[in-house]
PDB file of N, CA and C in Angstrom:
ATOM      1  N   MET A   1      37.534  17.709  22.921  1.00  0.00           N
ATOM      2  CA  MET A   1      36.441  17.402  22.024  1.00  0.00           C
ATOM      3  C   MET A   1      36.517  18.312  20.806  1.00  0.00           C
ATOM      4  N   VAL A   2      36.530  17.707  19.624  1.00  0.00           N
ATOM      5  CA  VAL A   2      36.633  18.454  18.382  1.00  0.00           C
ATOM      6  C   VAL A   2      35.230  18.641  17.819  1.00  0.00           C
ATOM      7  N   ARG A   3      34.861  19.898  17.560  1.00  0.00           N
ATOM      8  CA  ARG A   3      33.535  20.209  17.032  1.00  0.00           C
ATOM      9  C   ARG A   3      33.699  20.980  15.725  1.00  0.00           C
ATOM     10  N   ILE A   4      33.238  20.360  14.627  1.00  0.00           N
ATOM     11  CA  ILE A   4      33.328  20.986  13.309  1.00  0.00           C
ATOM     12  C   ILE A   4      31.950  20.915  12.662  1.00  0.00           C
ATOM     13  N   SER A   5      31.481  22.026  12.132  1.00  0.00           N
ATOM     14  CA  SER A   5      30.170  22.128  11.472  1.00  0.00           C
ATOM     15  C   SER A   5      29.032  21.669  12.365  1.00  0.00           C
ATOM     16  N   GLY A   6      29.155  21.916  13.655  1.00  0.00           N
ATOM     17  CA  GLY A   6      28.093  21.542  14.578  1.00  0.00           C
ATOM     18  C   GLY A   6      28.065  20.078  14.946  1.00  0.00           C
ATOM     19  N   VAL A   7      29.111  19.325  14.613  1.00  0.00           N
ATOM     20  CA  VAL A   7      29.167  17.892  14.900  1.00  0.00           C
ATOM     21  C   VAL A   7      30.384  17.611  15.772  1.00  0.00           C
ATOM     22  N   ASP A   8      30.173  16.877  16.853  1.00  0.00           N
ATOM     23  CA  ASP A   8      31.295  16.438  17.681  1.00  0.00           C
ATOM     24  C   ASP A   8      31.923  15.217  17.033  1.00  0.00           C
ATOM     25  N   LEU A   9      33.208  15.320  16.700  1.00  0.00           N
ATOM     26  CA  LEU A   9      33.889  14.187  16.084  1.00  0.00           C
ATOM     27  C   LEU A   9      34.209  13.146  17.154  1.00  0.00           C
ATOM     28  N   PRO A  10      34.115  11.851  16.818  1.00  0.00           N
ATOM     29  CA  PRO A  10      34.433  10.812  17.799  1.00  0.00           C
ATOM     30  C   PRO A  10      35.897  10.900  18.218  1.00  0.00           C
ATOM     31  N   ARG A  11      36.153  10.845  19.515  1.00  0.00           N
ATOM     32  CA  ARG A  11      37.504  11.078  20.042  1.00  0.00           C
ATOM     33  C   ARG A  11      38.506  10.005  19.672  1.00  0.00           C
ATOM     34  N   ASN A  12      38.107   8.756  19.770  1.00  0.00           N
ATOM     35  CA  ASN A  12      39.076   7.668  19.646  1.00  0.00           C
ATOM     36  C   ASN A  12      39.326   7.229  18.213  1.00  0.00           C
ATOM     37  N   LYS A  13      38.630   7.801  17.238  1.00  0.00           N
ATOM     38  CA  LYS A  13      38.817   7.374  15.847  1.00  0.00           C
ATOM     39  C   LYS A  13      39.861   8.228  15.149  1.00  0.00           C
ATOM     40  N   ARG A  14      40.400   7.678  14.045  1.00  0.00           N
ATOM     41  CA  ARG A  14      41.332   8.438  13.227  1.00  0.00           C
ATOM     42  C   ARG A  14      40.597   9.615  12.608  1.00  0.00           C
ATOM     43  N   ILE A  15      41.315  10.705  12.341  1.00  0.00           N
ATOM     44  CA  ILE A  15      40.675  11.911  11.825  1.00  0.00           C
ATOM     45  C   ILE A  15      40.051  11.670  10.458  1.00  0.00           C
ATOM     46  N   GLN A  16      40.641  10.789   9.676  1.00  0.00           N
ATOM     47  CA  GLN A  16      40.090  10.474   8.357  1.00  0.00           C
ATOM     48  C   GLN A  16      38.693   9.874   8.483  1.00  0.00           C
ATOM     49  N   ILE A  17      38.492   9.000   9.441  1.00  0.00           N
ATOM     50  CA  ILE A  17      37.195   8.381   9.671  1.00  0.00           C
ATOM     51  C   ILE A  17      36.277   9.336  10.437  1.00  0.00           C
ATOM     52  N   GLY A  18      36.835  10.100  11.346  1.00  0.00           N
ATOM     53  CA  GLY A  18      36.040  11.027  12.140  1.00  0.00           C
ATOM     54  C   GLY A  18      35.373  12.098  11.299  1.00  0.00           C
ATOM     55  N   LEU A  19      36.060  12.560  10.249  1.00  0.00           N
ATOM     56  CA  LEU A  19      35.478  13.588   9.382  1.00  0.00           C
ATOM     57  C   LEU A  19      34.253  13.077   8.637  1.00  0.00           C
ATOM     58  N   THR A  20      34.186  11.773   8.403  1.00  0.00           N
ATOM     59  CA  THR A  20      33.036  11.231   7.670  1.00  0.00           C
ATOM     60  C   THR A  20      31.767  11.225   8.516  1.00  0.00           C
ATOM     61  N   SER A  21      31.860  11.518   9.799  1.00  0.00           N
ATOM     62  CA  SER A  21      30.655  11.617  10.621  1.00  0.00           C
ATOM     63  C   SER A  21      29.918  12.931  10.364  1.00  0.00           C
ATOM     64  N   ILE A  22      30.534  13.841   9.614  1.00  0.00           N
ATOM     65  CA  ILE A  22      29.882  15.086   9.222  1.00  0.00           C
ATOM     66  C   ILE A  22      29.080  14.807   7.954  1.00  0.00           C
ATOM     67  N   PHE A  23      27.809  15.186   7.947  1.00  0.00           N
ATOM     68  CA  PHE A  23      26.947  14.957   6.788  1.00  0.00           C
ATOM     69  C   PHE A  23      27.463  15.772   5.605  1.00  0.00           C
ATOM     70  N   GLY A  24      27.761  15.094   4.515  1.00  0.00           N
ATOM     71  CA  GLY A  24      28.276  15.761   3.322  1.00  0.00           C
ATOM     72  C   GLY A  24      29.747  15.514   3.089  1.00  0.00           C
ATOM     73  N   ILE A  25      30.425  14.833   4.019  1.00  0.00           N
ATOM     74  CA  ILE A  25      31.843  14.511   3.844  1.00  0.00           C
ATOM     75  C   ILE A  25      32.002  13.006   3.892  1.00  0.00           C
ATOM     76  N   GLY A  26      32.521  12.450   2.803  1.00  0.00           N
ATOM     77  CA  GLY A  26      32.778  11.021   2.728  1.00  0.00           C
ATOM     78  C   GLY A  26      34.267  10.755   2.776  1.00  0.00           C
ATOM     79  N   ASN A  27      34.653   9.552   2.390  1.00  0.00           N
ATOM     80  CA  ASN A  27      36.071   9.175   2.442  1.00  0.00           C
ATOM     81  C   ASN A  27      36.935  10.020   1.510  1.00  0.00           C
ATOM     82  N   THR A  28      36.473  10.219   0.278  1.00  0.00           N
ATOM     83  CA  THR A  28      37.258  10.977  -0.690  1.00  0.00           C
ATOM     84  C   THR A  28      37.409  12.426  -0.252  1.00  0.00           C
ATOM     85  N   SER A  29      36.319  13.032   0.200  1.00  0.00           N
ATOM     86  CA  SER A  29      36.381  14.425   0.653  1.00  0.00           C
ATOM     87  C   SER A  29      37.280  14.548   1.874  1.00  0.00           C
ATOM     88  N   ALA A  30      37.214  13.581   2.785  1.00  0.00           N
ATOM     89  CA  ALA A  30      38.068  13.612   3.973  1.00  0.00           C
ATOM     90  C   ALA A  30      39.541  13.558   3.578  1.00  0.00           C
ATOM     91  N   ASP A  31      39.872  12.705   2.602  1.00  0.00           N
ATOM     92  CA  ASP A  31      41.260  12.630   2.133  1.00  0.00           C
ATOM     93  C   ASP A  31      41.719  13.964   1.547  1.00  0.00           C
ATOM     94  N   LYS A  32      40.861  14.599   0.731  1.00  0.00           N
ATOM     95  CA  LYS A  32      41.218  15.878   0.124  1.00  0.00           C
ATOM     96  C   LYS A  32      41.405  16.957   1.183  1.00  0.00           C
ATOM     97  N   ILE A  33      40.525  16.967   2.181  1.00  0.00           N
ATOM     98  CA  ILE A  33      40.627  17.958   3.254  1.00  0.00           C
ATOM     99  C   ILE A  33      41.935  17.786   4.015  1.00  0.00           C
ATOM    100  N   LEU A  34      42.301  16.539   4.312  1.00  0.00           N
ATOM    101  CA  LEU A  34      43.522  16.289   5.075  1.00  0.00           C
ATOM    102  C   LEU A  34      44.775  16.633   4.281  1.00  0.00           C
ATOM    103  N   THR A  35      44.771  16.376   2.979  1.00  0.00           N
ATOM    104  CA  THR A  35      45.943  16.758   2.176  1.00  0.00           C
ATOM    105  C   THR A  35      46.053  18.266   2.072  1.00  0.00           C
ATOM    106  N   THR A  36      44.914  18.960   1.976  1.00  0.00           N
ATOM    107  CA  THR A  36      44.941  20.424   1.928  1.00  0.00           C
ATOM    108  C   THR A  36      45.461  21.003   3.237  1.00  0.00           C
ATOM    109  N   ALA A  37      45.083  20.390   4.357  1.00  0.00           N
ATOM    110  CA  ALA A  37      45.507  20.880   5.672  1.00  0.00           C
ATOM    111  C   ALA A  37      46.871  20.347   6.080  1.00  0.00           C
ATOM    112  N   ASN A  38      47.502  19.513   5.244  1.00  0.00           N
ATOM    113  CA  ASN A  38      48.801  18.893   5.542  1.00  0.00           C
ATOM    114  C   ASN A  38      48.778  18.113   6.851  1.00  0.00           C
ATOM    115  N   LEU A  39      47.756  17.292   7.019  1.00  0.00           N
ATOM    116  CA  LEU A  39      47.633  16.452   8.208  1.00  0.00           C
ATOM    117  C   LEU A  39      47.714  14.992   7.822  1.00  0.00           C
ATOM    118  N   SER A  40      48.249  14.188   8.732  1.00  0.00           N
ATOM    119  CA  SER A  40      48.292  12.748   8.521  1.00  0.00           C
ATOM    120  C   SER A  40      46.916  12.159   8.817  1.00  0.00           C
ATOM    121  N   PRO A  41      46.431  11.238   7.996  1.00  0.00           N
ATOM    122  CA  PRO A  41      45.122  10.631   8.268  1.00  0.00           C
ATOM    123  C   PRO A  41      45.139   9.700   9.476  1.00  0.00           C
ATOM    124  N   ASP A  42      46.332   9.393  10.016  1.00  0.00           N
ATOM    125  CA  ASP A  42      46.433   8.461  11.133  1.00  0.00           C
ATOM    126  C   ASP A  42      46.341   9.142  12.500  1.00  0.00           C
ATOM    127  N   ILE A  43      46.279  10.467  12.531  1.00  0.00           N
ATOM    128  CA  ILE A  43      46.151  11.178  13.814  1.00  0.00           C
ATOM    129  C   ILE A  43      44.762  10.911  14.387  1.00  0.00           C
ATOM    130  N   ARG A  44      44.711  10.699  15.692  1.00  0.00           N
ATOM    131  CA  ARG A  44      43.423  10.517  16.360  1.00  0.00           C
ATOM    132  C   ARG A  44      42.771  11.889  16.566  1.00  0.00           C
ATOM    133  N   CYS A  45      41.447  11.914  16.589  1.00  0.00           N
ATOM    134  CA  CYS A  45      40.717  13.181  16.773  1.00  0.00           C
ATOM    135  C   CYS A  45      41.075  13.851  18.087  1.00  0.00           C
ATOM    136  N   SER A  46      41.332  13.048  19.104  1.00  0.00           N
ATOM    137  CA  SER A  46      41.650  13.625  20.412  1.00  0.00           C
ATOM    138  C   SER A  46      43.039  14.246  20.445  1.00  0.00           C
ATOM    139  N   ASP A  47      43.925  13.871  19.496  1.00  0.00           N
ATOM    140  CA  ASP A  47      45.304  14.360  19.497  1.00  0.00           C
ATOM    141  C   ASP A  47      45.500  15.631  18.671  1.00  0.00           C
ATOM    142  N   LEU A  48      44.436  16.168  18.091  1.00  0.00           N
ATOM    143  CA  LEU A  48      44.563  17.356  17.254  1.00  0.00           C
ATOM    144  C   LEU A  48      44.815  18.600  18.107  1.00  0.00           C
ATOM    145  N   THR A  49      45.673  19.470  17.591  1.00  0.00           N
ATOM    146  CA  THR A  49      45.909  20.733  18.280  1.00  0.00           C
ATOM    147  C   THR A  49      44.856  21.751  17.847  1.00  0.00           C
ATOM    148  N   ASP A  50      44.806  22.886  18.543  1.00  0.00           N
ATOM    149  CA  ASP A  50      43.822  23.920  18.221  1.00  0.00           C
ATOM    150  C   ASP A  50      44.044  24.502  16.831  1.00  0.00           C
ATOM    151  N   GLU A  51      45.305  24.660  16.421  1.00  0.00           N
ATOM    152  CA  GLU A  51      45.604  25.202  15.085  1.00  0.00           C
ATOM    153  C   GLU A  51      45.126  24.242  14.001  1.00  0.00           C
ATOM    154  N   GLN A  52      45.345  22.933  14.223  1.00  0.00           N
ATOM    155  CA  GLN A  52      44.905  21.946  13.243  1.00  0.00           C
ATOM    156  C   GLN A  52      43.382  21.931  13.128  1.00  0.00           C
ATOM    157  N   VAL A  53      42.699  22.037  14.247  1.00  0.00           N
ATOM    158  CA  VAL A  53      41.237  22.045  14.236  1.00  0.00           C
ATOM    159  C   VAL A  53      40.729  23.283  13.510  1.00  0.00           C
ATOM    160  N   SER A  54      41.349  24.433  13.772  1.00  0.00           N
ATOM    161  CA  SER A  54      40.896  25.665  13.116  1.00  0.00           C
ATOM    162  C   SER A  54      41.166  25.618  11.616  1.00  0.00           C
ATOM    163  N   SER A  55      42.285  25.004  11.195  1.00  0.00           N
ATOM    164  CA  SER A  55      42.556  24.893   9.758  1.00  0.00           C
ATOM    165  C   SER A  55      41.546  23.962   9.091  1.00  0.00           C
ATOM    166  N   LEU A  56      41.212  22.847   9.763  1.00  0.00           N
ATOM    167  CA  LEU A  56      40.184  21.950   9.221  1.00  0.00           C
ATOM    168  C   LEU A  56      38.845  22.670   9.105  1.00  0.00           C
ATOM    169  N   ARG A  57      38.507  23.431  10.141  1.00  0.00           N
ATOM    170  CA  ARG A  57      37.236  24.155  10.157  1.00  0.00           C
ATOM    171  C   ARG A  57      37.145  25.143   9.000  1.00  0.00           C
ATOM    172  N   THR A  58      38.219  25.899   8.758  1.00  0.00           N
ATOM    173  CA  THR A  58      38.190  26.893   7.677  1.00  0.00           C
ATOM    174  C   THR A  58      38.103  26.220   6.306  1.00  0.00           C
ATOM    175  N   ILE A  59      38.830  25.126   6.120  1.00  0.00           N
ATOM    176  CA  ILE A  59      38.786  24.420   4.833  1.00  0.00           C
ATOM    177  C   ILE A  59      37.378  23.897   4.565  1.00  0.00           C
ATOM    178  N   ILE A  60      36.763  23.292   5.576  1.00  0.00           N
ATOM    179  CA  ILE A  60      35.419  22.723   5.395  1.00  0.00           C
ATOM    180  C   ILE A  60      34.395  23.831   5.165  1.00  0.00           C
ATOM    181  N   ASP A  61      34.488  24.923   5.915  1.00  0.00           N
ATOM    182  CA  ASP A  61      33.519  26.008   5.763  1.00  0.00           C
ATOM    183  C   ASP A  61      33.632  26.692   4.411  1.00  0.00           C
ATOM    184  N   GLU A  62      34.862  26.837   3.893  1.00  0.00           N
ATOM    185  CA  GLU A  62      35.067  27.545   2.635  1.00  0.00           C
ATOM    186  C   GLU A  62      34.669  26.724   1.418  1.00  0.00           C
ATOM    187  N   SER A  63      34.999  25.429   1.416  1.00  0.00           N
ATOM    188  CA  SER A  63      34.875  24.689   0.163  1.00  0.00           C
ATOM    189  C   SER A  63      33.877  23.534   0.173  1.00  0.00           C
ATOM    190  N   TYR A  64      33.176  23.303   1.286  1.00  0.00           N
ATOM    191  CA  TYR A  64      32.225  22.188   1.328  1.00  0.00           C
ATOM    192  C   TYR A  64      30.895  22.642   1.902  1.00  0.00           C
ATOM    193  N   GLN A  65      29.833  22.095   1.350  1.00  0.00           N
ATOM    194  CA  GLN A  65      28.502  22.353   1.875  1.00  0.00           C
ATOM    195  C   GLN A  65      28.153  21.171   2.774  1.00  0.00           C
ATOM    196  N   THR A  66      27.905  21.434   4.056  1.00  0.00           N
ATOM    197  CA  THR A  66      27.710  20.341   5.002  1.00  0.00           C
ATOM    198  C   THR A  66      26.482  20.569   5.862  1.00  0.00           C
ATOM    199  N   GLU A  67      26.106  19.517   6.570  1.00  0.00           N
ATOM    200  CA  GLU A  67      25.051  19.505   7.581  1.00  0.00           C
ATOM    201  C   GLU A  67      23.771  20.205   7.156  1.00  0.00           C
ATOM    202  N   GLY A  68      23.341  21.244   7.863  1.00  0.00           N
ATOM    203  CA  GLY A  68      22.027  21.849   7.668  1.00  0.00           C
ATOM    204  C   GLY A  68      21.802  22.395   6.269  1.00  0.00           C
ATOM    205  N   ASP A  69      22.817  23.071   5.712  1.00  0.00           N
ATOM    206  CA  ASP A  69      22.680  23.625   4.368  1.00  0.00           C
ATOM    207  C   ASP A  69      22.463  22.522   3.340  1.00  0.00           C
ATOM    208  N   LEU A  70      23.234  21.449   3.458  1.00  0.00           N
ATOM    209  CA  LEU A  70      23.132  20.353   2.504  1.00  0.00           C
ATOM    210  C   LEU A  70      21.814  19.604   2.657  1.00  0.00           C
ATOM    211  N   ARG A  71      21.373  19.403   3.891  1.00  0.00           N
ATOM    212  CA  ARG A  71      20.076  18.751   4.120  1.00  0.00           C
ATOM    213  C   ARG A  71      18.949  19.585   3.528  1.00  0.00           C
ATOM    214  N   ARG A  72      19.047  20.906   3.647  1.00  0.00           N
ATOM    215  CA  ARG A  72      18.043  21.804   3.077  1.00  0.00           C
ATOM    216  C   ARG A  72      18.019  21.677   1.555  1.00  0.00           C
ATOM    217  N   VAL A  73      19.191  21.613   0.933  1.00  0.00           N
ATOM    218  CA  VAL A  73      19.269  21.465  -0.522  1.00  0.00           C
ATOM    219  C   VAL A  73      18.620  20.154  -0.946  1.00  0.00           C
ATOM    220  N   TYR A  74      18.901  19.063  -0.222  1.00  0.00           N
ATOM    221  CA  TYR A  74      18.312  17.765  -0.538  1.00  0.00           C
ATOM    222  C   TYR A  74      16.796  17.821  -0.456  1.00  0.00           C
ATOM    223  N   SER A  75      16.281  18.400   0.628  1.00  0.00           N
ATOM    224  CA  SER A  75      14.830  18.427   0.798  1.00  0.00           C
ATOM    225  C   SER A  75      14.174  19.311  -0.256  1.00  0.00           C
ATOM    226  N   LEU A  76      14.827  20.419  -0.632  1.00  0.00           N
ATOM    227  CA  LEU A  76      14.271  21.266  -1.685  1.00  0.00           C
ATOM    228  C   LEU A  76      14.266  20.559  -3.031  1.00  0.00           C
ATOM    229  N   ASN A  77      15.299  19.756  -3.307  1.00  0.00           N
ATOM    230  CA  ASN A  77      15.324  18.998  -4.558  1.00  0.00           C
ATOM    231  C   ASN A  77      14.185  17.993  -4.611  1.00  0.00           C
ATOM    232  N   ILE A  78      13.949  17.295  -3.504  1.00  0.00           N
ATOM    233  CA  ILE A  78      12.867  16.313  -3.457  1.00  0.00           C
ATOM    234  C   ILE A  78      11.522  17.010  -3.569  1.00  0.00           C
ATOM    235  N   LYS A  79      11.378  18.150  -2.906  1.00  0.00           N
ATOM    236  CA  LYS A  79      10.131  18.908  -2.982  1.00  0.00           C
ATOM    237  C   LYS A  79       9.856  19.370  -4.405  1.00  0.00           C
ATOM    238  N   ARG A  80      10.899  19.823  -5.105  1.00  0.00           N
ATOM    239  CA  ARG A  80      10.753  20.252  -6.491  1.00  0.00           C
ATOM    240  C   ARG A  80      10.298  19.106  -7.375  1.00  0.00           C
ATOM    241  N   LEU A  81      10.895  17.918  -7.177  1.00  0.00           N
ATOM    242  CA  LEU A  81      10.514  16.756  -7.976  1.00  0.00           C
ATOM    243  C   LEU A  81       9.054  16.368  -7.742  1.00  0.00           C
ATOM    244  N   THR A  82       8.598  16.447  -6.499  1.00  0.00           N
ATOM    245  CA  THR A  82       7.206  16.091  -6.226  1.00  0.00           C
ATOM    246  C   THR A  82       6.253  17.128  -6.801  1.00  0.00           C
ATOM    247  N   GLU A  83       6.635  18.402  -6.763  1.00  0.00           N
ATOM    248  CA  GLU A  83       5.749  19.446  -7.283  1.00  0.00           C
ATOM    249  C   GLU A  83       5.594  19.386  -8.787  1.00  0.00           C
ATOM    250  N   ILE A  84       6.670  19.066  -9.508  1.00  0.00           N
ATOM    251  CA  ILE A  84       6.546  19.019 -10.968  1.00  0.00           C
ATOM    252  C   ILE A  84       5.935  17.705 -11.432  1.00  0.00           C
ATOM    253  N   GLY A  85       5.785  16.752 -10.519  1.00  0.00           N
ATOM    254  CA  GLY A  85       5.113  15.502 -10.861  1.00  0.00           C
ATOM    255  C   GLY A  85       5.963  14.538 -11.660  1.00  0.00           C
ATOM    256  N   SER A  86       7.271  14.597 -11.488  1.00  0.00           N
ATOM    257  CA  SER A  86       8.140  13.671 -12.206  1.00  0.00           C
ATOM    258  C   SER A  86       7.973  12.263 -11.635  1.00  0.00           C
ATOM    259  N   ALA A  87       8.517  11.291 -12.335  1.00  0.00           N
ATOM    260  CA  ALA A  87       8.410   9.898 -11.887  1.00  0.00           C
ATOM    261  C   ALA A  87       9.092   9.739 -10.534  1.00  0.00           C
ATOM    262  N   ALA A  88      10.257  10.335 -10.375  1.00  0.00           N
ATOM    263  CA  ALA A  88      10.969  10.242  -9.098  1.00  0.00           C
ATOM    264  C   ALA A  88      10.182  10.929  -7.991  1.00  0.00           C
ATOM    265  N   GLY A  89       9.542  12.049  -8.309  1.00  0.00           N
ATOM    266  CA  GLY A  89       8.744  12.752  -7.322  1.00  0.00           C
ATOM    267  C   GLY A  89       7.550  11.938  -6.862  1.00  0.00           C
ATOM    268  N   ARG A  90       6.910  11.236  -7.803  1.00  0.00           N
ATOM    269  CA  ARG A  90       5.776  10.384  -7.434  1.00  0.00           C
ATOM    270  C   ARG A  90       6.237   9.238  -6.551  1.00  0.00           C
ATOM    271  N   ARG A  91       7.390   8.672  -6.844  1.00  0.00           N
ATOM    272  CA  ARG A  91       7.920   7.577  -6.026  1.00  0.00           C
ATOM    273  C   ARG A  91       8.248   8.072  -4.618  1.00  0.00           C
ATOM    274  N   HIS A  92       8.803   9.294  -4.516  1.00  0.00           N
ATOM    275  CA  HIS A  92       9.064   9.868  -3.204  1.00  0.00           C
ATOM    276  C   HIS A  92       7.767  10.049  -2.433  1.00  0.00           C
ATOM    277  N   ARG A  93       6.720  10.515  -3.117  1.00  0.00           N
ATOM    278  CA  ARG A  93       5.460  10.815  -2.460  1.00  0.00           C
ATOM    279  C   ARG A  93       4.815   9.565  -1.872  1.00  0.00           C
ATOM    280  N   VAL A  94       4.886   8.433  -2.580  1.00  0.00           N
ATOM    281  CA  VAL A  94       4.256   7.202  -2.090  1.00  0.00           C
ATOM    282  C   VAL A  94       5.241   6.302  -1.346  1.00  0.00           C
ATOM    283  N   ASN A  95       6.429   6.832  -1.079  1.00  0.00           N
ATOM    284  CA  ASN A  95       7.436   6.144  -0.263  1.00  0.00           C
ATOM    285  C   ASN A  95       7.861   4.795  -0.842  1.00  0.00           C
ATOM    286  N   LEU A  96       8.219   4.818  -2.116  1.00  0.00           N
ATOM    287  CA  LEU A  96       8.739   3.638  -2.803  1.00  0.00           C
ATOM    288  C   LEU A  96      10.167   3.933  -3.261  1.00  0.00           C
ATOM    289  N   PRO A  97      10.938   2.893  -3.607  1.00  0.00           N
ATOM    290  CA  PRO A  97      12.293   3.143  -4.111  1.00  0.00           C
ATOM    291  C   PRO A  97      12.261   3.995  -5.373  1.00  0.00           C
ATOM    292  N   VAL A  98      13.187   4.936  -5.480  1.00  0.00           N
ATOM    293  CA  VAL A  98      13.141   5.939  -6.532  1.00  0.00           C
ATOM    294  C   VAL A  98      13.992   5.554  -7.736  1.00  0.00           C
ATOM    295  N   ARG A  99      15.065   4.811  -7.533  1.00  0.00           N
ATOM    296  CA  ARG A  99      16.061   4.639  -8.582  1.00  0.00           C
ATOM    297  C   ARG A  99      15.967   3.316  -9.325  1.00  0.00           C
ATOM    298  N   GLY A 100      14.770   2.805  -9.526  1.00  0.00           N
ATOM    299  CA  GLY A 100      14.594   1.659 -10.404  1.00  0.00           C
ATOM    300  C   GLY A 100      14.765   0.307  -9.766  1.00  0.00           C
ATOM    301  N   GLN A 101      14.814   0.233  -8.441  1.00  0.00           N
ATOM    302  CA  GLN A 101      14.952  -1.061  -7.798  1.00  0.00           C
ATOM    303  C   GLN A 101      13.637  -1.834  -7.901  1.00  0.00           C
ATOM    304  N   ARG A 102      13.725  -3.161  -7.768  1.00  0.00           N
ATOM    305  CA  ARG A 102      12.515  -3.961  -7.830  1.00  0.00           C
ATOM    306  C   ARG A 102      11.749  -3.822  -6.523  1.00  0.00           C
ATOM    307  N   THR A 103      10.422  -3.901  -6.621  1.00  0.00           N
ATOM    308  CA  THR A 103       9.606  -3.736  -5.424  1.00  0.00           C
ATOM    309  C   THR A 103       8.756  -4.959  -5.129  1.00  0.00           C
ATOM    310  N   ARG A 104       8.765  -5.932  -6.021  1.00  0.00           N
ATOM    311  CA  ARG A 104       7.975  -7.133  -5.735  1.00  0.00           C
ATOM    312  C   ARG A 104       8.530  -7.830  -4.503  1.00  0.00           C
ATOM    313  N   THR A 105       9.853  -7.845  -4.391  1.00  0.00           N
ATOM    314  CA  THR A 105      10.519  -8.311  -3.180  1.00  0.00           C
ATOM    315  C   THR A 105      11.622  -7.309  -2.877  1.00  0.00           C
ATOM    316  N   ASN A 106      12.193  -7.387  -1.699  1.00  0.00           N
ATOM    317  CA  ASN A 106      13.403  -6.642  -1.333  1.00  0.00           C
ATOM    318  C   ASN A 106      13.266  -5.124  -1.309  1.00  0.00           C
ATOM    319  N   ALA A 107      12.122  -4.583  -0.993  1.00  0.00           N
ATOM    320  CA  ALA A 107      12.023  -3.129  -0.856  1.00  0.00           C
ATOM    321  C   ALA A 107      11.604  -2.772   0.561  1.00  0.00           C
ATOM    322  N   ARG A 108      11.963  -3.618   1.520  1.00  0.00           N
ATOM    323  CA  ARG A 108      11.435  -3.479   2.874  1.00  0.00           C
ATOM    324  C   ARG A 108      11.926  -2.236   3.600  1.00  0.00           C
ATOM    325  N   THR A 109      13.125  -1.760   3.315  1.00  0.00           N
ATOM    326  CA  THR A 109      13.596  -0.568   4.007  1.00  0.00           C
ATOM    327  C   THR A 109      12.735   0.626   3.636  1.00  0.00           C
ATOM    328  N   ARG A 110      12.308   0.679   2.419  1.00  0.00           N
ATOM    329  CA  ARG A 110      11.534   1.822   1.948  1.00  0.00           C
ATOM    330  C   ARG A 110      10.037   1.642   2.224  1.00  0.00           C
ATOM    331  N   LYS A 111       9.530   0.399   2.062  1.00  0.00           N
ATOM    332  CA  LYS A 111       8.091   0.163   2.209  1.00  0.00           C
ATOM    333  C   LYS A 111       7.659  -0.053   3.652  1.00  0.00           C
ATOM    334  N   GLY A 112       8.575  -0.459   4.508  1.00  0.00           N
ATOM    335  CA  GLY A 112       8.227  -0.700   5.899  1.00  0.00           C
ATOM    336  C   GLY A 112       7.953  -2.165   6.167  1.00  0.00           C
ATOM    337  N   LYS A 113       7.422  -2.440   7.351  1.00  0.00           N
ATOM    338  CA  LYS A 113       7.174  -3.811   7.764  1.00  0.00           C
ATOM    339  C   LYS A 113       6.091  -4.440   6.898  1.00  0.00           C
ATOM    340  N   ILE A 114       6.162  -5.775   6.725  1.00  0.00           N
ATOM    341  CA  ILE A 114       5.213  -6.490   5.869  1.00  0.00           C
ATOM    342  C   ILE A 114       3.807  -6.386   6.444  1.00  0.00           C
ATOM    343  N   LYS A 115       2.876  -6.009   5.569  1.00  0.00           N
ATOM    344  CA  LYS A 115       1.473  -5.979   5.955  1.00  0.00           C
ATOM    345  C   LYS A 115       0.830  -7.214   5.338  1.00  0.00           C
ATOM    346  N   THR A 116       0.437  -8.175   6.161  1.00  0.00           N
ATOM    347  CA  THR A 116      -0.120  -9.411   5.624  1.00  0.00           C
ATOM    348  C   THR A 116      -1.560  -9.187   5.196  1.00  0.00           C
ATOM    349  N   ALA A 117      -1.910  -9.784   4.072  1.00  0.00           N
ATOM    350  CA  ALA A 117      -3.267  -9.674   3.566  1.00  0.00           C
ATOM    351  C   ALA A 117      -4.112 -10.752   4.222  1.00  0.00           C
ATOM    352  N   VAL A 118      -5.246 -10.373   4.761  1.00  0.00           N
ATOM    353  CA  VAL A 118      -6.139 -11.312   5.415  1.00  0.00           C
ATOM    354  C   VAL A 118      -7.164 -11.790   4.394  1.00  0.00           C
ATOM    355  N   ALA A 119      -7.305 -13.127   4.283  1.00  0.00           N
ATOM    356  CA  ALA A 119      -8.257 -13.698   3.313  1.00  0.00           C
ATOM    357  C   ALA A 119      -9.680 -13.425   3.774  1.00  0.00           C
ATOM    358  N   LYS A 120     -10.568 -13.108   2.790  1.00  0.00           N
ATOM    359  CA  LYS A 120     -11.966 -12.853   3.125  1.00  0.00           C
ATOM    360  C   LYS A 120     -12.686 -14.162   3.417  1.00  0.00           C
ATOM    361  N   LYS A 121     -13.619 -14.127   4.346  1.00  0.00           N
ATOM    362  CA  LYS A 121     -14.417 -15.303   4.639  1.00  0.00           C
ATOM    363  C   LYS A 121     -15.496 -15.456   3.586  1.00  0.00           C
ATOM    364  N   LYS A 122     -15.813 -16.689   3.241  1.00  0.00           N
ATOM    365  CA  LYS A 122     -16.858 -16.933   2.261  1.00  0.00           C
ATOM    366  C   LYS A 122     -18.217 -16.656   2.904  1.00  0.00           C
ATOM    367  N   GLY A 123     -19.118 -16.034   2.136  1.00  0.00           N
ATOM    368  CA  GLY A 123     -20.456 -15.760   2.632  1.00  0.00           C
ATOM    369  C   GLY A 123     -21.243 -17.044   2.794  1.00  0.00           C
ATOM    370  N   ARG A 124     -22.006 -17.175   3.871  1.00  0.00           N
ATOM    371  CA  ARG A 124     -22.744 -18.419   4.103  1.00  0.00           C
ATOM    372  C   ARG A 124     -24.107 -18.376   3.534  1.00  0.00           C
TER     373      ARG A 124
END
């Protein structure tokens, strides 16, 4: 079992794809890490030797911000935006899409399940 930055990499996947399970590492970063470590992207995570794992670990720790540190930076950025009262901060506060997407339709992931409006009864 390969454990890097507090994340267990999936055993049966290629190392290039397995590295993307770490928060803060995408496809491009995974490619750069593998070229720096002189590893083939086709090696399975379970086939890595201890030296290869330690080299990957040192490269990621030295040059990439991952997992808890990166999540903390994200949350502090959002907190700063809400405190200064920017447009993006207000959108974060009321749980609406932040980057200019339409909300009349198609904002269900951010807004949640549809709340149906109940028609008022006419007074008798």
